[in-house]
C-alpha cells in the first residue's frame, strides 16, 4: 500500500494561550491520526498577515507534515478538511499534496 505525503498550514487566532495552542496541536493531530500518520509538526509562532483574516492582522502558524494510505486519501482528505473547518480557533488553513 502506497503512502501519500501531505503538508498542511494552519493559521490560528493570535489570542490563544500556549495551553490552547498545545490543545489545538493535539486536536489537529488526532484528526490526522484518524486517517493517516503525523510525521512532523512545526510551531512557527505569531506572524503578521498580508491582509485581515476574520478581523485578525496576525496569526499563529503551524505546519504539519503527514501521510495517508493511498486507498484512504480521497475520502480521508475531504473528511480531514471538513473536521478542521469546525474548529473556531483555526482562521485559515490549506492542505497540499507533496511531490515524491
Protein backbone atom coordinates (compact mmCIF):
# COMPACT_ATOMS: atom_id res chain seq x y z
CA UNK A 1 0.00 0.00 0.00
CA UNK A 2 1.42 3.34 -1.07
CA UNK A 3 1.65 6.28 1.32
CA UNK A 4 0.82 9.76 0.05
CA UNK A 5 2.58 12.71 1.75
CA UNK A 6 0.85 15.98 2.56
CA UNK A 7 1.72 19.27 4.17
CA UNK A 8 -0.84 21.45 5.87
CA UNK A 9 -0.50 25.00 7.12
CA UNK A 10 -2.84 26.25 9.83
CA UNK A 11 -3.29 29.84 10.93
CA UNK A 12 -4.75 30.02 14.42
CA UNK A 13 -6.16 33.02 16.25
CA UNK A 14 -3.26 35.02 17.72
CA UNK A 15 -5.09 35.47 21.03
CA UNK A 16 -4.76 31.80 22.02
CA UNK A 17 -2.68 30.94 25.07
CA UNK A 18 0.23 28.48 24.99
CA UNK A 19 -2.02 25.83 26.55
CA UNK A 20 -4.73 26.44 23.94
CA UNK A 21 -2.14 26.18 21.15
CA UNK A 22 -0.93 22.85 22.56
CA UNK A 23 -4.52 21.58 22.77
CA UNK A 24 -5.08 22.60 19.13
CA UNK A 25 -1.93 20.73 18.08
CA UNK A 26 -3.32 17.65 19.85
CA UNK A 27 -6.76 18.08 18.22
CA UNK A 28 -5.30 18.60 14.74
CA UNK A 29 -3.00 15.60 15.20
CA UNK A 30 -5.96 13.48 16.29
CA UNK A 31 -7.87 14.42 13.13
CA UNK A 32 -4.91 13.32 11.00
CA UNK A 33 -4.32 10.16 13.05
CA UNK A 34 -7.87 9.02 12.24
CA UNK A 35 -6.88 8.72 8.56
CA UNK A 36 -3.08 8.61 8.50
CA UNK A 37 0.06 9.42 10.45
CA UNK A 38 1.59 12.74 11.51
CA UNK A 39 5.29 12.89 10.62
CA UNK A 40 6.31 16.35 11.87
CA UNK A 41 4.72 19.45 13.40
CA UNK A 42 6.41 22.85 13.29
CA UNK A 43 5.12 25.54 15.62
CA UNK A 44 6.23 28.72 13.79
CA UNK A 45 4.59 31.20 16.16
CA UNK A 46 2.83 34.50 15.52
CA UNK A 47 3.39 36.24 12.17
CA UNK A 48 1.85 39.28 10.53
CA UNK A 49 -0.75 38.51 7.88
CA UNK A 50 -0.76 40.13 4.44
CA UNK A 51 -4.43 41.03 4.93
CA UNK A 52 -7.05 40.75 7.67
CA UNK A 53 -8.48 37.29 8.15
CA UNK A 54 -11.64 37.18 10.26
CA UNK A 55 -10.60 40.52 11.76
CA UNK A 56 -7.07 39.46 12.73
CA UNK A 57 -3.89 41.15 11.44
CA UNK A 58 -1.69 38.39 12.90
CA UNK A 59 -1.94 34.63 13.16
CA UNK A 60 -0.23 31.77 14.92
CA UNK A 61 1.26 29.45 12.27
CA UNK A 62 1.53 25.66 12.47
CA UNK A 63 2.94 23.46 9.70
CA UNK A 64 2.17 19.75 9.74
CA UNK A 65 3.64 17.00 7.55
CA UNK A 66 1.61 13.81 7.39
CA UNK A 67 0.90 10.76 5.26
CA UNK A 68 -2.22 8.82 4.33
CA UNK A 69 -2.58 5.39 2.74
CA UNK A 70 -3.40 5.72 -0.95
CA UNK A 71 -6.63 3.74 -0.56
CA UNK A 72 -7.94 6.26 2.02
CA UNK A 73 -6.66 9.50 0.53
CA UNK A 74 -9.68 10.82 -1.44
CA UNK A 75 -12.22 10.46 1.35
CA UNK A 76 -9.58 10.99 4.02
CA UNK A 77 -8.50 14.45 2.90
CA UNK A 78 -12.05 15.74 2.46
CA UNK A 79 -13.02 14.39 5.90
CA UNK A 80 -9.94 15.98 7.46
CA UNK A 81 -10.77 19.34 5.85
CA UNK A 82 -14.41 19.14 6.98
CA UNK A 83 -13.39 18.48 10.59
CA UNK A 84 -10.82 21.31 10.61
CA UNK A 85 -13.43 23.79 9.33
CA UNK A 86 -15.39 23.21 12.56
CA UNK A 87 -12.52 24.41 14.78
CA UNK A 88 -13.20 28.06 15.59
CA UNK A 89 -9.56 28.55 16.64
CA UNK A 90 -8.41 27.97 13.03
CA UNK A 91 -8.90 31.11 10.94
CA UNK A 92 -7.33 29.74 7.73
CA UNK A 93 -5.72 26.50 6.54
CA UNK A 94 -4.55 24.70 3.44
CA UNK A 95 -3.66 21.07 2.71
CA UNK A 96 -1.19 20.39 -0.12
CA UNK A 97 -0.03 17.10 -1.58
CA UNK A 98 3.76 16.86 -1.54
CA UNK A 99 5.61 15.60 -4.59
CA UNK A 100 7.62 12.40 -4.21
